[in-house]
Amino acid sequence: MNKNPAKEIVSVEKTTHSQSLPPKNLKYMRDKDRELVKGIFRFHEVPGGVMSFVYRAYKEDPVERYDLVDGEVYSLPLGVAKHLNKNVWYPVHAHKLDDEGKVSTIIGRKVKRCSFQSLEFVDIDDLGDSLIEEVTVTKIPLQESK
């Protein structure tokens, strides 16, 4: 029984996450990320300071500039609030010696630079006199330099 095994040609197609989502679901996520949420911006890295950044989550969105002051109350899009809480950090590296005396680098922890505390379930009057004014952010697209 001397059979030659037949060789099959297999086609592999790679898809990215955005390709696998139907456009309807992507539109829902974009609309959800644009809903305004009210909260307090905390700048852990520079207490009392101002943090400026530009943000664009989806290809269809314009690039928007934000200037946030530590301790102020803002109404921001949900996507920006999630970005501030999840993506603005830096790693702290450390060195470790093993039993043989070899040095290896490890990432010890993540240090959050800022956060956005939601006021959606908290009454602003219960926070005391530390909050004086509310700031509303308006969308101003960046102008391209010519």
N, C-alpha and C. Protein backbone atom coordinates (compact mmCIF):
# COMPACT_ATOMS: atom_id res chain seq x y z
N MET A 1 0.84 -1.17 0.00
CA MET A 1 0.00 0.00 0.00
C MET A 1 0.88 1.24 0.00
N ASN A 2 1.21 1.63 -1.15
CA ASN A 2 2.08 2.76 -1.33
C ASN A 2 1.27 3.91 -1.91
N LYS A 3 0.63 4.66 -1.04
CA LYS A 3 -0.21 5.77 -1.50
C LYS A 3 0.52 7.08 -1.29
N ASN A 4 0.42 7.94 -2.26
CA ASN A 4 0.95 9.30 -2.10
C ASN A 4 -0.13 10.16 -1.47
N PRO A 5 0.21 10.74 -0.33
CA PRO A 5 -0.82 11.58 0.29
C PRO A 5 -1.06 12.82 -0.57
N ALA A 6 -2.31 13.12 -0.74
CA ALA A 6 -2.66 14.30 -1.53
C ALA A 6 -2.38 15.55 -0.72
N LYS A 7 -1.79 16.51 -1.37
CA LYS A 7 -1.52 17.77 -0.68
C LYS A 7 -2.68 18.71 -0.91
N GLU A 8 -3.14 19.30 0.20
CA GLU A 8 -4.23 20.25 0.13
C GLU A 8 -3.69 21.66 0.22
N ILE A 9 -4.28 22.53 -0.50
CA ILE A 9 -3.91 23.94 -0.42
C ILE A 9 -4.92 24.60 0.50
N VAL A 10 -4.40 25.21 1.55
CA VAL A 10 -5.26 25.85 2.53
C VAL A 10 -5.09 27.36 2.40
N SER A 11 -6.19 28.04 2.35
CA SER A 11 -6.16 29.50 2.27
C SER A 11 -6.51 30.07 3.64
N VAL A 12 -5.66 30.94 4.14
CA VAL A 12 -5.90 31.58 5.42
C VAL A 12 -6.15 33.05 5.19
N GLU A 13 -7.23 33.53 5.74
CA GLU A 13 -7.58 34.94 5.58
C GLU A 13 -7.55 35.60 6.95
N LYS A 14 -6.75 36.65 7.09
CA LYS A 14 -6.67 37.37 8.35
C LYS A 14 -7.68 38.50 8.34
N THR A 15 -8.36 38.64 9.45
CA THR A 15 -9.28 39.76 9.60
C THR A 15 -8.92 40.50 10.87
N THR A 16 -9.05 41.80 10.81
CA THR A 16 -8.83 42.59 12.01
C THR A 16 -10.16 42.78 12.70
N HIS A 17 -10.10 43.28 13.92
CA HIS A 17 -11.31 43.46 14.72
C HIS A 17 -12.30 44.40 14.03
N SER A 18 -11.80 45.48 13.45
CA SER A 18 -12.69 46.45 12.82
C SER A 18 -13.34 45.87 11.56
N GLN A 19 -12.65 44.94 10.88
CA GLN A 19 -13.24 44.33 9.69
C GLN A 19 -14.35 43.35 10.07
N SER A 20 -14.22 42.73 11.25
CA SER A 20 -15.19 41.71 11.62
C SER A 20 -16.48 42.33 12.19
N LEU A 21 -16.42 43.61 12.60
CA LEU A 21 -17.60 44.26 13.12
C LEU A 21 -18.46 44.78 11.98
N PRO A 22 -19.76 44.54 12.05
CA PRO A 22 -20.60 45.14 11.03
C PRO A 22 -20.64 46.66 11.22
N PRO A 23 -20.78 47.41 10.13
CA PRO A 23 -20.79 48.87 10.24
C PRO A 23 -21.83 49.40 11.22
N LYS A 24 -22.95 48.71 11.35
CA LYS A 24 -24.00 49.14 12.26
C LYS A 24 -23.48 49.12 13.71
N ASN A 25 -22.75 48.08 14.08
CA ASN A 25 -22.22 47.97 15.43
C ASN A 25 -21.15 49.03 15.67
N LEU A 26 -20.32 49.30 14.69
CA LEU A 26 -19.29 50.32 14.80
C LEU A 26 -19.93 51.70 14.97
N LYS A 27 -21.01 51.95 14.26
CA LYS A 27 -21.73 53.22 14.41
C LYS A 27 -22.31 53.34 15.81
N TYR A 28 -22.83 52.25 16.35
CA TYR A 28 -23.37 52.26 17.71
C TYR A 28 -22.27 52.59 18.72
N MET A 29 -21.09 51.96 18.55
CA MET A 29 -19.99 52.22 19.47
C MET A 29 -19.52 53.66 19.37
N ARG A 30 -19.46 54.20 18.17
CA ARG A 30 -19.04 55.59 17.98
C ARG A 30 -20.04 56.54 18.62
N ASP A 31 -21.32 56.28 18.42
CA ASP A 31 -22.35 57.12 19.04
C ASP A 31 -22.29 57.04 20.56
N LYS A 32 -22.06 55.84 21.08
CA LYS A 32 -21.96 55.65 22.54
C LYS A 32 -20.76 56.41 23.10
N ASP A 33 -19.63 56.38 22.40
CA ASP A 33 -18.43 57.07 22.86
C ASP A 33 -18.56 58.59 22.79
N ARG A 34 -19.55 59.10 22.06
CA ARG A 34 -19.74 60.54 21.94
C ARG A 34 -20.75 61.08 22.94
N GLU A 35 -21.39 60.20 23.72
CA GLU A 35 -22.33 60.66 24.75
C GLU A 35 -21.56 61.39 25.85
N LEU A 36 -22.10 62.51 26.30
CA LEU A 36 -21.42 63.30 27.32
C LEU A 36 -21.61 62.70 28.71
N VAL A 37 -20.53 62.69 29.48
CA VAL A 37 -20.57 62.27 30.88
C VAL A 37 -19.97 63.39 31.71
N LYS A 38 -20.49 63.55 32.91
CA LYS A 38 -20.05 64.62 33.79
C LYS A 38 -19.12 64.03 34.84
N GLY A 39 -17.99 64.73 35.09
CA GLY A 39 -17.06 64.22 36.08
C GLY A 39 -15.98 65.22 36.43
N ILE A 40 -15.09 64.80 37.34
CA ILE A 40 -13.99 65.63 37.80
C ILE A 40 -12.70 65.10 37.20
N PHE A 41 -11.92 66.00 36.61
CA PHE A 41 -10.62 65.63 36.07
C PHE A 41 -9.59 65.73 37.18
N ARG A 42 -8.79 64.66 37.36
CA ARG A 42 -7.72 64.63 38.35
C ARG A 42 -6.40 64.45 37.61
N PHE A 43 -5.47 65.38 37.83
CA PHE A 43 -4.14 65.33 37.22
C PHE A 43 -3.17 64.92 38.31
N HIS A 44 -2.93 63.61 38.45
CA HIS A 44 -2.10 63.06 39.51
C HIS A 44 -0.63 63.47 39.37
N GLU A 45 -0.18 63.65 38.16
CA GLU A 45 1.22 63.96 37.91
C GLU A 45 1.58 65.39 38.32
N VAL A 46 0.66 66.34 38.07
CA VAL A 46 0.89 67.74 38.42
C VAL A 46 -0.39 68.26 39.10
N PRO A 47 -0.53 68.08 40.42
CA PRO A 47 -1.73 68.56 41.11
C PRO A 47 -1.91 70.07 40.92
N GLY A 48 -3.11 70.46 40.53
CA GLY A 48 -3.41 71.87 40.27
C GLY A 48 -2.99 72.32 38.88
N GLY A 49 -2.41 71.45 38.10
CA GLY A 49 -1.91 71.80 36.78
C GLY A 49 -2.93 71.65 35.67
N VAL A 50 -2.49 71.95 34.46
CA VAL A 50 -3.32 71.86 33.26
C VAL A 50 -2.74 70.79 32.35
N MET A 51 -3.59 69.92 31.84
CA MET A 51 -3.16 68.90 30.89
C MET A 51 -3.82 69.20 29.54
N SER A 52 -3.02 69.30 28.50
CA SER A 52 -3.52 69.56 27.15
C SER A 52 -3.19 68.36 26.27
N PHE A 53 -4.15 67.94 25.46
CA PHE A 53 -3.94 66.82 24.55
C PHE A 53 -4.93 66.90 23.41
N VAL A 54 -4.64 66.18 22.34
CA VAL A 54 -5.57 66.04 21.23
C VAL A 54 -6.07 64.60 21.20
N TYR A 55 -7.29 64.41 20.70
CA TYR A 55 -7.90 63.09 20.75
C TYR A 55 -8.76 62.88 19.51
N ARG A 56 -8.67 61.68 18.97
CA ARG A 56 -9.55 61.23 17.89
C ARG A 56 -9.63 59.72 17.98
N ALA A 57 -10.82 59.19 18.18
CA ALA A 57 -10.98 57.75 18.35
C ALA A 57 -11.32 57.05 17.03
N TYR A 58 -12.11 57.67 16.20
CA TYR A 58 -12.58 57.03 14.97
C TYR A 58 -12.13 57.84 13.76
N LYS A 59 -11.96 57.16 12.66
CA LYS A 59 -11.46 57.77 11.45
C LYS A 59 -12.36 58.92 10.98
N GLU A 60 -13.65 58.81 11.21
CA GLU A 60 -14.59 59.83 10.77
C GLU A 60 -14.59 61.07 11.66
N ASP A 61 -14.06 60.97 12.88
CA ASP A 61 -14.08 62.07 13.84
C ASP A 61 -13.02 63.11 13.52
N PRO A 62 -13.29 64.37 13.85
CA PRO A 62 -12.23 65.38 13.72
C PRO A 62 -11.27 65.27 14.90
N VAL A 63 -10.07 65.78 14.74
CA VAL A 63 -9.11 65.83 15.84
C VAL A 63 -9.54 66.97 16.75
N GLU A 64 -9.72 66.68 18.03
CA GLU A 64 -10.19 67.68 18.98
C GLU A 64 -9.13 67.92 20.05
N ARG A 65 -9.00 69.16 20.47
CA ARG A 65 -8.03 69.54 21.49
C ARG A 65 -8.76 69.74 22.82
N TYR A 66 -8.17 69.22 23.89
CA TYR A 66 -8.71 69.37 25.23
C TYR A 66 -7.66 69.99 26.13
N ASP A 67 -8.07 70.98 26.93
CA ASP A 67 -7.23 71.60 27.95
C ASP A 67 -7.99 71.44 29.27
N LEU A 68 -7.53 70.53 30.12
CA LEU A 68 -8.24 70.20 31.35
C LEU A 68 -7.43 70.63 32.57
N VAL A 69 -8.11 71.24 33.54
CA VAL A 69 -7.48 71.72 34.77
C VAL A 69 -7.81 70.74 35.89
N ASP A 70 -6.81 70.41 36.69
CA ASP A 70 -6.98 69.48 37.81
C ASP A 70 -8.06 69.98 38.77
N GLY A 71 -9.00 69.09 39.13
CA GLY A 71 -10.04 69.39 40.11
C GLY A 71 -11.28 70.05 39.56
N GLU A 72 -11.33 70.37 38.27
CA GLU A 72 -12.49 71.03 37.67
C GLU A 72 -13.51 69.98 37.21
N VAL A 73 -14.77 70.39 37.14
CA VAL A 73 -15.86 69.54 36.68
C VAL A 73 -16.06 69.78 35.19
N TYR A 74 -16.10 68.69 34.42
CA TYR A 74 -16.26 68.78 32.97
C TYR A 74 -17.35 67.85 32.49
N SER A 75 -17.94 68.19 31.35
CA SER A 75 -18.81 67.29 30.60
C SER A 75 -18.02 66.89 29.36
N LEU A 76 -17.57 65.64 29.32
CA LEU A 76 -16.73 65.15 28.24
C LEU A 76 -17.40 63.97 27.55
N PRO A 77 -17.04 63.69 26.29
CA PRO A 77 -17.53 62.46 25.65
C PRO A 77 -17.03 61.22 26.41
N LEU A 78 -17.84 60.19 26.45
CA LEU A 78 -17.50 58.97 27.17
C LEU A 78 -16.18 58.38 26.68
N GLY A 79 -15.91 58.43 25.38
CA GLY A 79 -14.67 57.90 24.84
C GLY A 79 -13.45 58.62 25.39
N VAL A 80 -13.53 59.93 25.58
CA VAL A 80 -12.42 60.71 26.15
C VAL A 80 -12.24 60.33 27.62
N ALA A 81 -13.36 60.19 28.36
CA ALA A 81 -13.28 59.81 29.77
C ALA A 81 -12.63 58.43 29.92
N LYS A 82 -13.00 57.48 29.05
CA LYS A 82 -12.39 56.15 29.11
C LYS A 82 -10.90 56.23 28.77
N HIS A 83 -10.54 57.06 27.80
CA HIS A 83 -9.15 57.23 27.42
C HIS A 83 -8.33 57.76 28.61
N LEU A 84 -8.86 58.75 29.31
CA LEU A 84 -8.15 59.31 30.46
C LEU A 84 -7.94 58.28 31.56
N ASN A 85 -8.92 57.40 31.74
CA ASN A 85 -8.82 56.40 32.82
C ASN A 85 -8.00 55.17 32.46
N LYS A 86 -7.93 54.82 31.18
CA LYS A 86 -7.28 53.57 30.80
C LYS A 86 -5.94 53.72 30.09
N ASN A 87 -5.74 54.80 29.34
CA ASN A 87 -4.60 54.86 28.44
C ASN A 87 -3.50 55.84 28.83
N VAL A 88 -3.70 56.65 29.85
CA VAL A 88 -2.72 57.67 30.18
C VAL A 88 -1.92 57.22 31.42
N TRP A 89 -0.86 56.45 31.16
CA TRP A 89 -0.02 55.91 32.22
C TRP A 89 1.37 55.68 31.68
N TYR A 90 2.31 55.42 32.59
CA TYR A 90 3.65 55.05 32.16
C TYR A 90 4.15 53.90 33.04
N PRO A 91 5.00 53.04 32.49
CA PRO A 91 5.49 51.90 33.27
C PRO A 91 6.69 52.30 34.13
N VAL A 92 6.80 51.64 35.28
CA VAL A 92 7.98 51.81 36.13
C VAL A 92 8.75 50.51 36.05
N HIS A 93 9.95 50.60 35.53
CA HIS A 93 10.79 49.43 35.35
C HIS A 93 11.67 49.22 36.58
N ALA A 94 12.01 47.99 36.83
CA ALA A 94 12.90 47.65 37.95
C ALA A 94 13.87 46.57 37.48
N HIS A 95 14.95 46.41 38.21
CA HIS A 95 15.91 45.36 37.92
C HIS A 95 15.87 44.32 39.03
N LYS A 96 16.06 43.08 38.64
CA LYS A 96 15.95 41.99 39.59
C LYS A 96 17.16 41.07 39.40
N LEU A 97 17.74 40.64 40.51
CA LEU A 97 18.83 39.67 40.46
C LEU A 97 18.27 38.28 40.75
N ASP A 98 18.66 37.31 39.91
CA ASP A 98 18.24 35.94 40.20
C ASP A 98 19.29 35.26 41.08
N ASP A 99 19.11 33.98 41.35
CA ASP A 99 20.03 33.23 42.23
C ASP A 99 21.44 33.16 41.67
N GLU A 100 21.58 33.22 40.36
CA GLU A 100 22.90 33.14 39.73
C GLU A 100 23.56 34.50 39.58
N GLY A 101 22.90 35.56 40.00
CA GLY A 101 23.47 36.90 39.91
C GLY A 101 23.21 37.60 38.59
N LYS A 102 22.35 37.05 37.75
CA LYS A 102 22.02 37.68 36.47
C LYS A 102 20.94 38.75 36.70
N VAL A 103 21.13 39.86 36.01
CA VAL A 103 20.18 40.97 36.14
C VAL A 103 19.14 40.86 35.03
N SER A 104 17.88 41.02 35.40
CA SER A 104 16.81 41.04 34.41
C SER A 104 15.93 42.26 34.68
N THR A 105 15.35 42.79 33.63
CA THR A 105 14.48 43.95 33.75
C THR A 105 13.04 43.48 33.80
N ILE A 106 12.29 44.02 34.75
CA ILE A 106 10.88 43.68 34.86
C ILE A 106 10.07 44.98 34.91
N ILE A 107 8.84 44.90 34.49
CA ILE A 107 7.93 46.04 34.62
C ILE A 107 7.21 45.85 35.93
N GLY A 108 7.49 46.73 36.87
CA GLY A 108 6.94 46.59 38.20
C GLY A 108 5.49 46.99 38.31
N ARG A 109 5.14 48.15 37.75
CA ARG A 109 3.77 48.64 37.90
C ARG A 109 3.49 49.74 36.88
N LYS A 110 2.23 50.10 36.77
CA LYS A 110 1.80 51.19 35.90
C LYS A 110 1.44 52.38 36.80
N VAL A 111 1.91 53.56 36.42
CA VAL A 111 1.59 54.77 37.17
C VAL A 111 0.63 55.61 36.34
N LYS A 112 -0.57 55.85 36.90
CA LYS A 112 -1.58 56.64 36.20
C LYS A 112 -1.19 58.12 36.26
N ARG A 113 -1.21 58.79 35.14
CA ARG A 113 -0.90 60.22 35.10
C ARG A 113 -2.11 61.06 35.44
N CYS A 114 -3.31 60.57 35.10
CA CYS A 114 -4.53 61.33 35.36
C CYS A 114 -5.71 60.36 35.43
N SER A 115 -6.87 60.89 35.83
CA SER A 115 -8.09 60.09 35.86
C SER A 115 -9.30 61.02 35.70
N PHE A 116 -10.44 60.42 35.43
CA PHE A 116 -11.69 61.16 35.29
C PHE A 116 -12.72 60.47 36.18
N GLN A 117 -13.10 61.13 37.27
CA GLN A 117 -14.05 60.56 38.22
C GLN A 117 -15.46 60.95 37.82
N SER A 118 -16.28 59.95 37.55
CA SER A 118 -17.64 60.20 37.09
C SER A 118 -18.49 60.77 38.22
N LEU A 119 -19.36 61.70 37.86
CA LEU A 119 -20.34 62.25 38.79
C LEU A 119 -21.75 61.80 38.43
N GLU A 120 -21.84 60.82 37.57
CA GLU A 120 -23.15 60.37 37.11
C GLU A 120 -23.98 59.77 38.24
N PHE A 121 -23.34 59.15 39.22
CA PHE A 121 -24.06 58.52 40.32
C PHE A 121 -23.79 59.21 41.65
N VAL A 122 -23.14 60.37 41.60
CA VAL A 122 -22.80 61.11 42.80
C VAL A 122 -23.43 62.49 42.71
N ASP A 123 -24.03 62.95 43.82
CA ASP A 123 -24.59 64.28 43.84
C ASP A 123 -23.46 65.28 44.06
N ILE A 124 -23.36 66.27 43.20
CA ILE A 124 -22.26 67.23 43.27
C ILE A 124 -22.28 68.03 44.58
N ASP A 125 -23.46 68.19 45.18
CA ASP A 125 -23.57 68.93 46.43
C ASP A 125 -22.96 68.17 47.60
N ASP A 126 -22.86 66.84 47.50
CA ASP A 126 -22.29 66.03 48.57
C ASP A 126 -20.76 66.10 48.61
N LEU A 127 -20.14 66.68 47.59
CA LEU A 127 -18.68 66.71 47.53
C LEU A 127 -18.08 67.88 48.30
N GLY A 128 -18.89 68.80 48.78
CA GLY A 128 -18.36 69.92 49.57
C GLY A 128 -18.06 71.14 48.72
N ASP A 129 -17.28 72.06 49.32
CA ASP A 129 -16.98 73.34 48.67
C ASP A 129 -15.77 73.28 47.75
N SER A 130 -15.16 72.10 47.57
CA SER A 130 -13.96 72.03 46.74
C SER A 130 -14.26 72.26 45.26
N LEU A 131 -15.53 72.08 44.87
CA LEU A 131 -15.91 72.28 43.46
C LEU A 131 -16.65 73.60 43.35
N ILE A 132 -16.10 74.56 42.63
CA ILE A 132 -16.68 75.88 42.57
C ILE A 132 -17.49 76.09 41.30
N GLU A 133 -16.94 75.69 40.18
CA GLU A 133 -17.62 75.96 38.92
C GLU A 133 -17.59 74.74 38.01
N GLU A 134 -18.52 74.74 37.09
CA GLU A 134 -18.60 73.66 36.10
C GLU A 134 -18.13 74.21 34.77
N VAL A 135 -17.30 73.44 34.07
CA VAL A 135 -16.77 73.85 32.77
C VAL A 135 -17.33 72.90 31.72
N THR A 136 -17.89 73.46 30.65
CA THR A 136 -18.39 72.65 29.55
C THR A 136 -17.41 72.77 28.39
N VAL A 137 -17.00 71.63 27.85
CA VAL A 137 -16.05 71.60 26.75
C VAL A 137 -16.82 71.63 25.44
N THR A 138 -16.45 72.58 24.59
CA THR A 138 -17.06 72.62 23.26
C THR A 138 -16.05 72.10 22.26
N LYS A 139 -16.55 71.53 21.21
CA LYS A 139 -15.69 70.91 20.20
C LYS A 139 -15.20 71.98 19.23
N ILE A 140 -13.89 72.14 19.16
CA ILE A 140 -13.28 73.05 18.21
C ILE A 140 -12.24 72.27 17.43
N PRO A 141 -12.51 71.93 16.18
CA PRO A 141 -11.53 71.16 15.39
C PRO A 141 -10.25 71.96 15.20
N LEU A 142 -9.14 71.24 15.19
CA LEU A 142 -7.84 71.87 14.94
C LEU A 142 -7.79 72.37 13.50
N GLN A 143 -7.18 73.53 13.34
CA GLN A 143 -7.01 74.07 11.99
C GLN A 143 -5.67 73.61 11.46
N GLU A 144 -5.67 73.18 10.25
CA GLU A 144 -4.42 72.75 9.62
C GLU A 144 -3.61 73.96 9.24
N SER A 145 -2.32 73.93 9.54
CA SER A 145 -1.46 75.05 9.17
C SER A 145 -1.10 74.98 7.69
N LYS A 146 -1.05 76.12 7.07
CA LYS A 146 -0.80 76.16 5.63
C LYS A 146 0.61 76.60 5.36
